[in-house]
Amino acid sequence: MKKYILLAFLSFYYFSNAQSIQSVDSLTTEICKSLIQNKNLNNEIRINTINNSHITPYLAKFNDSLVQKKAFELIFYRLQKNCNEFVALFPNKAEERTWSMQEEKPVEKIAKAKCNQFDKTSKYYYIENDGNKVAVTLKDNLWTEQFSDNTFSKLHYRKKGNCEFELEFIESNNISRGNLSIKGDKYLYKIYDEENETYSLYTKNKETYYIFKIVKE
């Protein structure tokens, strides 16, 4: 039993170090290219194509099933970060549409004075794609997120000019956020509207704008 645990640990250590974020991101770049080339096909065919051509051969490098699972999780979440075409494969399941993607820059409808009130409030929440609520605490220049499974994420909050703020990733024990980001990753957000204590924000990934709403508690 001890031997098996040691082997599993060494396998995880090997994957974490030898198969770096950079190598996985190189793989996701190729996967994204394939999705763009096949965008006129139906989504089931596109998913099968990237699985057979890229993901399965990559996972076959590892004999240990636990390491394969870890590698697959990392590929999946880094694709969400790096590939807009991949994100578009998964529809929003929340009852209320709280986020979306678009090519056009959102029209700004908020006064600067209203933007300046954003970090005066310490409690917010937003709804994820699956409909789950994420509680946000904004205090002492820290942006802390509490998820429905009792995991968390912690980021530095920095106010910028022109209704913008920056979040810098510190740590997370949430499987999604822990694979999406590495320490020091920075994300720039723009507040462009506010209504009934609900702020509309966007962040830009390549040529795509990700839009979501965050609500005052």
C-alpha atoms as a PDB file:
ATOM      1  CA  MET A   1       0.000   0.000   0.000  1.00  0.00           C
ATOM      2  CA  LYS A   2       2.791   2.406   0.946  1.00  0.00           C
ATOM      3  CA  LYS A   3       4.565   1.552  -2.305  1.00  0.00           C
ATOM      4  CA  TYR A   4       1.430   2.384  -4.325  1.00  0.00           C
ATOM      5  CA  ILE A   5       0.994   5.727  -2.542  1.00  0.00           C
ATOM      6  CA  LEU A   6       4.659   6.576  -3.196  1.00  0.00           C
ATOM      7  CA  LEU A   7       4.333   5.697  -6.885  1.00  0.00           C
ATOM      8  CA  ALA A   8       1.171   7.793  -7.186  1.00  0.00           C
ATOM      9  CA  PHE A   9       2.887  10.725  -5.496  1.00  0.00           C
ATOM     10  CA  LEU A  10       5.907  10.446  -7.773  1.00  0.00           C
ATOM     11  CA  SER A  11       3.606  10.282 -10.804  1.00  0.00           C
ATOM     12  CA  PHE A  12       1.860  13.483  -9.742  1.00  0.00           C
ATOM     13  CA  TYR A  13       5.238  15.093  -9.076  1.00  0.00           C
ATOM     14  CA  TYR A  14       6.439  14.111 -12.529  1.00  0.00           C
ATOM     15  CA  PHE A  15       3.350  15.519 -14.197  1.00  0.00           C
ATOM     16  CA  SER A  16       3.428  18.766 -12.253  1.00  0.00           C
ATOM     17  CA  ASN A  17       7.053  19.453 -13.045  1.00  0.00           C
ATOM     18  CA  ALA A  18       8.006  17.772 -16.316  1.00  0.00           C
ATOM     19  CA  GLN A  19       4.656  18.384 -18.005  1.00  0.00           C
ATOM     20  CA  SER A  20       4.471  22.085 -17.254  1.00  0.00           C
ATOM     21  CA  ILE A  21       1.716  24.596 -17.809  1.00  0.00           C
ATOM     22  CA  GLN A  22       3.629  25.699 -20.897  1.00  0.00           C
ATOM     23  CA  SER A  23       3.460  22.262 -22.525  1.00  0.00           C
ATOM     24  CA  VAL A  24      -0.257  21.948 -21.813  1.00  0.00           C
ATOM     25  CA  ASP A  25      -0.861  25.444 -23.180  1.00  0.00           C
ATOM     26  CA  SER A  26       0.986  24.439 -26.361  1.00  0.00           C
ATOM     27  CA  LEU A  27      -1.414  21.525 -26.677  1.00  0.00           C
ATOM     28  CA  THR A  28      -4.447  23.751 -26.103  1.00  0.00           C
ATOM     29  CA  THR A  29      -3.187  26.092 -28.830  1.00  0.00           C
ATOM     30  CA  GLU A  30      -3.258  23.210 -31.318  1.00  0.00           C
ATOM     31  CA  ILE A  31      -6.687  22.109 -30.084  1.00  0.00           C
ATOM     32  CA  CYS A  32      -8.012  25.629 -30.515  1.00  0.00           C
ATOM     33  CA  LYS A  33      -6.677  25.787 -34.070  1.00  0.00           C
ATOM     34  CA  SER A  34      -8.529  22.550 -34.829  1.00  0.00           C
ATOM     35  CA  LEU A  35     -11.777  23.928 -33.393  1.00  0.00           C
ATOM     36  CA  ILE A  36     -11.462  27.063 -35.533  1.00  0.00           C
ATOM     37  CA  GLN A  37     -10.779  25.017 -38.663  1.00  0.00           C
ATOM     38  CA  ASN A  38     -13.812  22.801 -37.979  1.00  0.00           C
ATOM     39  CA  LYS A  39     -16.211  25.520 -36.798  1.00  0.00           C
ATOM     40  CA  ASN A  40     -18.694  24.730 -39.591  1.00  0.00           C
ATOM     41  CA  LEU A  41     -19.174  21.149 -38.347  1.00  0.00           C
ATOM     42  CA  ASN A  42     -21.558  20.219 -35.549  1.00  0.00           C
ATOM     43  CA  ASN A  43     -20.176  20.375 -32.013  1.00  0.00           C
ATOM     44  CA  GLU A  44     -20.241  16.614 -31.403  1.00  0.00           C
ATOM     45  CA  ILE A  45     -17.943  16.019 -34.387  1.00  0.00           C
ATOM     46  CA  ARG A  46     -15.667  18.866 -33.316  1.00  0.00           C
ATOM     47  CA  ILE A  47     -15.330  17.458 -29.785  1.00  0.00           C
ATOM     48  CA  ASN A  48     -14.660  13.932 -31.084  1.00  0.00           C
ATOM     49  CA  THR A  49     -12.032  15.321 -33.444  1.00  0.00           C
ATOM     50  CA  ILE A  50     -10.018  17.123 -30.773  1.00  0.00           C
ATOM     51  CA  ASN A  51     -10.372  14.144 -28.445  1.00  0.00           C
ATOM     52  CA  ASN A  52      -9.091  11.618 -31.008  1.00  0.00           C
ATOM     53  CA  SER A  53      -6.423  13.848 -32.553  1.00  0.00           C
ATOM     54  CA  HIS A  54      -5.034  15.642 -29.515  1.00  0.00           C
ATOM     55  CA  ILE A  55      -6.320  14.706 -26.061  1.00  0.00           C
ATOM     56  CA  THR A  56      -6.254  10.886 -26.186  1.00  0.00           C
ATOM     57  CA  PRO A  57      -2.698  10.720 -27.643  1.00  0.00           C
ATOM     58  CA  TYR A  58      -1.492  13.153 -24.983  1.00  0.00           C
ATOM     59  CA  LEU A  59      -3.048  11.193 -22.111  1.00  0.00           C
ATOM     60  CA  ALA A  60      -1.610   7.948 -23.489  1.00  0.00           C
ATOM     61  CA  LYS A  61       1.821   9.205 -22.373  1.00  0.00           C
ATOM     62  CA  PHE A  62       0.852   8.423 -18.776  1.00  0.00           C
ATOM     63  CA  ASN A  63       0.289   4.908 -17.452  1.00  0.00           C
ATOM     64  CA  ASP A  64      -1.212   5.943 -14.136  1.00  0.00           C
ATOM     65  CA  SER A  65      -4.959   6.669 -14.279  1.00  0.00           C
ATOM     66  CA  LEU A  66      -4.695   9.288 -11.518  1.00  0.00           C
ATOM     67  CA  VAL A  67      -2.105  11.214 -13.499  1.00  0.00           C
ATOM     68  CA  GLN A  68      -4.269  10.937 -16.622  1.00  0.00           C
ATOM     69  CA  LYS A  69      -7.177  12.420 -14.669  1.00  0.00           C
ATOM     70  CA  LYS A  70      -4.998  15.289 -13.423  1.00  0.00           C
ATOM     71  CA  ALA A  71      -3.722  15.936 -16.947  1.00  0.00           C
ATOM     72  CA  PHE A  72      -7.235  15.912 -18.425  1.00  0.00           C
ATOM     73  CA  GLU A  73      -8.467  18.399 -15.816  1.00  0.00           C
ATOM     74  CA  LEU A  74      -5.586  20.737 -16.583  1.00  0.00           C
ATOM     75  CA  ILE A  75      -6.216  20.523 -20.354  1.00  0.00           C
ATOM     76  CA  PHE A  76      -9.940  21.168 -19.887  1.00  0.00           C
ATOM     77  CA  TYR A  77      -9.549  24.260 -17.724  1.00  0.00           C
ATOM     78  CA  ARG A  78      -6.615  25.724 -19.648  1.00  0.00           C
ATOM     79  CA  LEU A  79      -8.769  25.422 -22.785  1.00  0.00           C
ATOM     80  CA  GLN A  80     -11.414  27.492 -21.003  1.00  0.00           C
ATOM     81  CA  LYS A  81      -8.786  30.140 -20.323  1.00  0.00           C
ATOM     82  CA  ASN A  82      -7.006  30.124 -23.689  1.00  0.00           C
ATOM     83  CA  CYS A  83      -9.601  29.170 -26.303  1.00  0.00           C
ATOM     84  CA  ASN A  84     -12.778  31.156 -26.951  1.00  0.00           C
ATOM     85  CA  GLU A  85     -13.970  28.532 -29.462  1.00  0.00           C
ATOM     86  CA  PHE A  86     -13.862  25.895 -26.713  1.00  0.00           C
ATOM     87  CA  VAL A  87     -15.803  28.053 -24.235  1.00  0.00           C
ATOM     88  CA  ALA A  88     -18.507  28.587 -26.872  1.00  0.00           C
ATOM     89  CA  LEU A  89     -19.143  24.827 -26.989  1.00  0.00           C
ATOM     90  CA  PHE A  90     -20.789  24.930 -23.556  1.00  0.00           C
ATOM     91  CA  PRO A  91     -24.132  26.734 -23.265  1.00  0.00           C
ATOM     92  CA  ASN A  92     -25.127  28.778 -20.240  1.00  0.00           C
ATOM     93  CA  LYS A  93     -27.279  26.532 -18.013  1.00  0.00           C
ATOM     94  CA  ALA A  94     -28.226  29.202 -15.479  1.00  0.00           C
ATOM     95  CA  GLU A  95     -31.907  30.175 -15.387  1.00  0.00           C
ATOM     96  CA  GLU A  96     -30.933  33.832 -15.671  1.00  0.00           C
ATOM     97  CA  ARG A  97     -28.414  34.644 -18.378  1.00  0.00           C
ATOM     98  CA  THR A  98     -25.651  36.253 -16.324  1.00  0.00           C
ATOM     99  CA  TRP A  99     -22.717  36.064 -18.730  1.00  0.00           C
ATOM    100  CA  SER A 100     -22.130  36.017 -22.467  1.00  0.00           C
ATOM    101  CA  MET A 101     -19.507  36.354 -25.204  1.00  0.00           C
ATOM    102  CA  GLN A 102     -19.474  38.839 -28.048  1.00  0.00           C
ATOM    103  CA  GLU A 103     -17.127  40.336 -30.631  1.00  0.00           C
ATOM    104  CA  GLU A 104     -18.342  43.930 -30.213  1.00  0.00           C
ATOM    105  CA  LYS A 105     -17.117  46.119 -27.372  1.00  0.00           C
ATOM    106  CA  PRO A 106     -19.975  46.859 -24.922  1.00  0.00           C
ATOM    107  CA  VAL A 107     -21.323  50.395 -24.890  1.00  0.00           C
ATOM    108  CA  GLU A 108     -20.361  52.291 -21.729  1.00  0.00           C
ATOM    109  CA  LYS A 109     -23.392  53.692 -19.898  1.00  0.00           C
ATOM    110  CA  ILE A 110     -22.036  54.450 -16.439  1.00  0.00           C
ATOM    111  CA  ALA A 111     -20.737  57.641 -14.849  1.00  0.00           C
ATOM    112  CA  LYS A 112     -17.289  57.627 -13.249  1.00  0.00           C
ATOM    113  CA  ALA A 113     -18.799  58.635  -9.900  1.00  0.00           C
ATOM    114  CA  LYS A 114     -20.887  55.464  -9.957  1.00  0.00           C
ATOM    115  CA  CYS A 115     -17.832  53.352 -10.744  1.00  0.00           C
ATOM    116  CA  ASN A 116     -16.062  54.833  -7.745  1.00  0.00           C
ATOM    117  CA  GLN A 117     -18.775  53.388  -5.502  1.00  0.00           C
ATOM    118  CA  PHE A 118     -18.048  49.812  -6.593  1.00  0.00           C
ATOM    119  CA  ASP A 119     -15.334  49.016  -4.041  1.00  0.00           C
ATOM    120  CA  LYS A 120     -17.176  50.827  -1.258  1.00  0.00           C
ATOM    121  CA  THR A 121     -19.284  47.681  -0.934  1.00  0.00           C
ATOM    122  CA  SER A 122     -17.650  44.556   0.499  1.00  0.00           C
ATOM    123  CA  LYS A 123     -20.234  41.885  -0.359  1.00  0.00           C
ATOM    124  CA  TYR A 124     -21.238  40.811  -3.867  1.00  0.00           C
ATOM    125  CA  TYR A 125     -22.218  37.667  -5.700  1.00  0.00           C
ATOM    126  CA  TYR A 126     -22.359  36.370  -9.244  1.00  0.00           C
ATOM    127  CA  ILE A 127     -23.884  33.304 -10.892  1.00  0.00           C
ATOM    128  CA  GLU A 128     -21.747  30.739 -12.677  1.00  0.00           C
ATOM    129  CA  ASN A 129     -22.557  29.019 -15.956  1.00  0.00           C
ATOM    130  CA  ASP A 130     -24.063  26.030 -14.104  1.00  0.00           C
ATOM    131  CA  GLY A 131     -26.381  28.265 -12.067  1.00  0.00           C
ATOM    132  CA  ASN A 132     -24.394  28.111  -8.817  1.00  0.00           C
ATOM    133  CA  LYS A 133     -23.909  31.260  -6.759  1.00  0.00           C
ATOM    134  CA  VAL A 134     -20.406  32.554  -5.987  1.00  0.00           C
ATOM    135  CA  ALA A 135     -20.077  34.883  -2.985  1.00  0.00           C
ATOM    136  CA  VAL A 136     -17.495  37.664  -3.319  1.00  0.00           C
ATOM    137  CA  THR A 137     -15.890  39.554  -0.422  1.00  0.00           C
ATOM    138  CA  LEU A 138     -13.967  42.700  -1.337  1.00  0.00           C
ATOM    139  CA  LYS A 139     -11.887  43.862   1.627  1.00  0.00           C
ATOM    140  CA  ASP A 140      -8.356  45.181   2.257  1.00  0.00           C
ATOM    141  CA  ASN A 141      -7.542  45.014  -1.469  1.00  0.00           C
ATOM    142  CA  LEU A 142      -8.381  41.321  -1.547  1.00  0.00           C
ATOM    143  CA  TRP A 143     -11.055  39.738  -3.751  1.00  0.00           C
ATOM    144  CA  THR A 144     -12.129  36.455  -2.130  1.00  0.00           C
ATOM    145  CA  GLU A 145     -14.598  34.092  -3.797  1.00  0.00           C
ATOM    146  CA  GLN A 146     -16.528  31.396  -1.920  1.00  0.00           C
ATOM    147  CA  PHE A 147     -18.011  28.637  -4.082  1.00  0.00           C
ATOM    148  CA  SER A 148     -21.013  26.370  -3.542  1.00  0.00           C
ATOM    149  CA  ASP A 149     -18.736  23.403  -2.710  1.00  0.00           C
ATOM    150  CA  ASN A 150     -17.048  25.417   0.095  1.00  0.00           C
ATOM    151  CA  THR A 151     -13.851  25.957  -1.887  1.00  0.00           C
ATOM    152  CA  PHE A 152     -12.367  29.427  -2.351  1.00  0.00           C
ATOM    153  CA  SER A 153     -10.223  31.668  -4.546  1.00  0.00           C
ATOM    154  CA  LYS A 154      -8.160  34.632  -3.402  1.00  0.00           C
ATOM    155  CA  LEU A 155      -6.937  37.484  -5.630  1.00  0.00           C
ATOM    156  CA  HIS A 156      -5.377  40.915  -5.199  1.00  0.00           C
ATOM    157  CA  TYR A 157      -7.755  43.758  -6.116  1.00  0.00           C
ATOM    158  CA  ARG A 158      -6.293  46.907  -7.683  1.00  0.00           C
ATOM    159  CA  LYS A 159      -8.419  49.860  -8.694  1.00  0.00           C
ATOM    160  CA  LYS A 160      -7.506  51.396 -12.037  1.00  0.00           C
ATOM    161  CA  GLY A 161      -8.638  54.563 -13.780  1.00  0.00           C
ATOM    162  CA  ASN A 162     -11.555  54.875 -16.185  1.00  0.00           C
ATOM    163  CA  CYS A 163     -13.902  52.437 -14.371  1.00  0.00           C
ATOM    164  CA  GLU A 164     -11.404  49.555 -14.491  1.00  0.00           C
ATOM    165  CA  PHE A 165      -9.941  47.225 -11.899  1.00  0.00           C
ATOM    166  CA  GLU A 166      -7.361  44.443 -11.996  1.00  0.00           C
ATOM    167  CA  LEU A 167      -7.437  41.070 -10.237  1.00  0.00           C
ATOM    168  CA  GLU A 168      -4.173  39.193  -9.662  1.00  0.00           C
ATOM    169  CA  PHE A 169      -4.484  35.501  -8.820  1.00  0.00           C
ATOM    170  CA  ILE A 170      -2.989  34.396  -5.502  1.00  0.00           C
ATOM    171  CA  GLU A 171      -4.376  30.938  -4.708  1.00  0.00           C
ATOM    172  CA  SER A 172      -7.409  28.668  -4.921  1.00  0.00           C
ATOM    173  CA  ASN A 173      -8.439  25.190  -3.778  1.00  0.00           C
ATOM    174  CA  ASN A 174     -11.290  25.195  -6.315  1.00  0.00           C
ATOM    175  CA  ILE A 175     -10.611  22.691  -9.096  1.00  0.00           C
ATOM    176  CA  SER A 176     -11.710  25.068 -11.842  1.00  0.00           C
ATOM    177  CA  ARG A 177      -9.938  28.220 -10.647  1.00  0.00           C
ATOM    178  CA  GLY A 178      -6.842  26.298  -9.561  1.00  0.00           C
ATOM    179  CA  ASN A 179      -6.379  24.978 -13.103  1.00  0.00           C
ATOM    180  CA  LEU A 180      -7.450  28.138 -14.885  1.00  0.00           C
ATOM    181  CA  SER A 181      -4.850  30.377 -13.274  1.00  0.00           C
ATOM    182  CA  ILE A 182      -1.351  30.316 -11.876  1.00  0.00           C
ATOM    183  CA  LYS A 183      -0.050  32.677  -9.214  1.00  0.00           C
ATOM    184  CA  GLY A 184       0.544  36.125 -10.671  1.00  0.00           C
ATOM    185  CA  ASP A 185      -1.952  35.864 -13.536  1.00  0.00           C
ATOM    186  CA  LYS A 186      -3.694  39.225 -13.990  1.00  0.00           C
ATOM    187  CA  TYR A 187      -7.174  39.990 -15.312  1.00  0.00           C
ATOM    188  CA  LEU A 188      -8.412  43.452 -16.254  1.00  0.00           C
ATOM    189  CA  TYR A 189     -12.129  44.232 -15.857  1.00  0.00           C
ATOM    190  CA  LYS A 190     -14.141  47.202 -17.048  1.00  0.00           C
ATOM    191  CA  ILE A 191     -17.392  48.354 -15.424  1.00  0.00           C
ATOM    192  CA  TYR A 192     -19.653  49.636 -18.178  1.00  0.00           C
ATOM    193  CA  ASP A 193     -23.154  49.758 -16.664  1.00  0.00           C
ATOM    194  CA  GLU A 194     -25.075  49.669 -13.381  1.00  0.00           C
ATOM    195  CA  GLU A 195     -28.747  49.183 -12.588  1.00  0.00           C
ATOM    196  CA  ASN A 196     -30.462  48.367  -9.293  1.00  0.00           C
ATOM    197  CA  GLU A 197     -27.118  47.616  -7.573  1.00  0.00           C
ATOM    198  CA  THR A 198     -26.157  45.189 -10.333  1.00  0.00           C
ATOM    199  CA  TYR A 199     -22.907  45.998 -12.121  1.00  0.00           C
ATOM    200  CA  SER A 200     -22.199  44.905 -15.688  1.00  0.00           C
ATOM    201  CA  LEU A 201     -18.542  44.175 -16.412  1.00  0.00           C
ATOM    202  CA  TYR A 202     -16.435  42.842 -19.222  1.00  0.00           C
ATOM    203  CA  THR A 203     -12.962  41.449 -19.757  1.00  0.00           C
ATOM    204  CA  LYS A 204     -11.317  40.895 -23.120  1.00  0.00           C
ATOM    205  CA  ASN A 205      -9.675  37.647 -24.247  1.00  0.00           C
ATOM    206  CA  LYS A 206      -8.003  38.108 -27.618  1.00  0.00           C
ATOM    207  CA  GLU A 207     -10.776  39.553 -29.811  1.00  0.00           C
ATOM    208  CA  THR A 208     -13.669  38.325 -27.670  1.00  0.00           C
ATOM    209  CA  TYR A 209     -15.420  40.226 -24.881  1.00  0.00           C
ATOM    210  CA  TYR A 210     -16.650  38.203 -21.887  1.00  0.00           C
ATOM    211  CA  ILE A 211     -19.549  39.968 -20.197  1.00  0.00           C
ATOM    212  CA  PHE A 212     -21.007  39.191 -16.791  1.00  0.00           C
ATOM    213  CA  LYS A 213     -23.010  40.729 -13.974  1.00  0.00           C
ATOM    214  CA  ILE A 214     -22.079  41.034 -10.312  1.00  0.00           C
ATOM    215  CA  VAL A 215     -24.745  41.887  -7.755  1.00  0.00           C
ATOM    216  CA  LYS A 216     -24.524  43.737  -4.444  1.00  0.00           C
ATOM    217  CA  GLU A 217     -25.573  41.614  -1.452  1.00  0.00           C
END
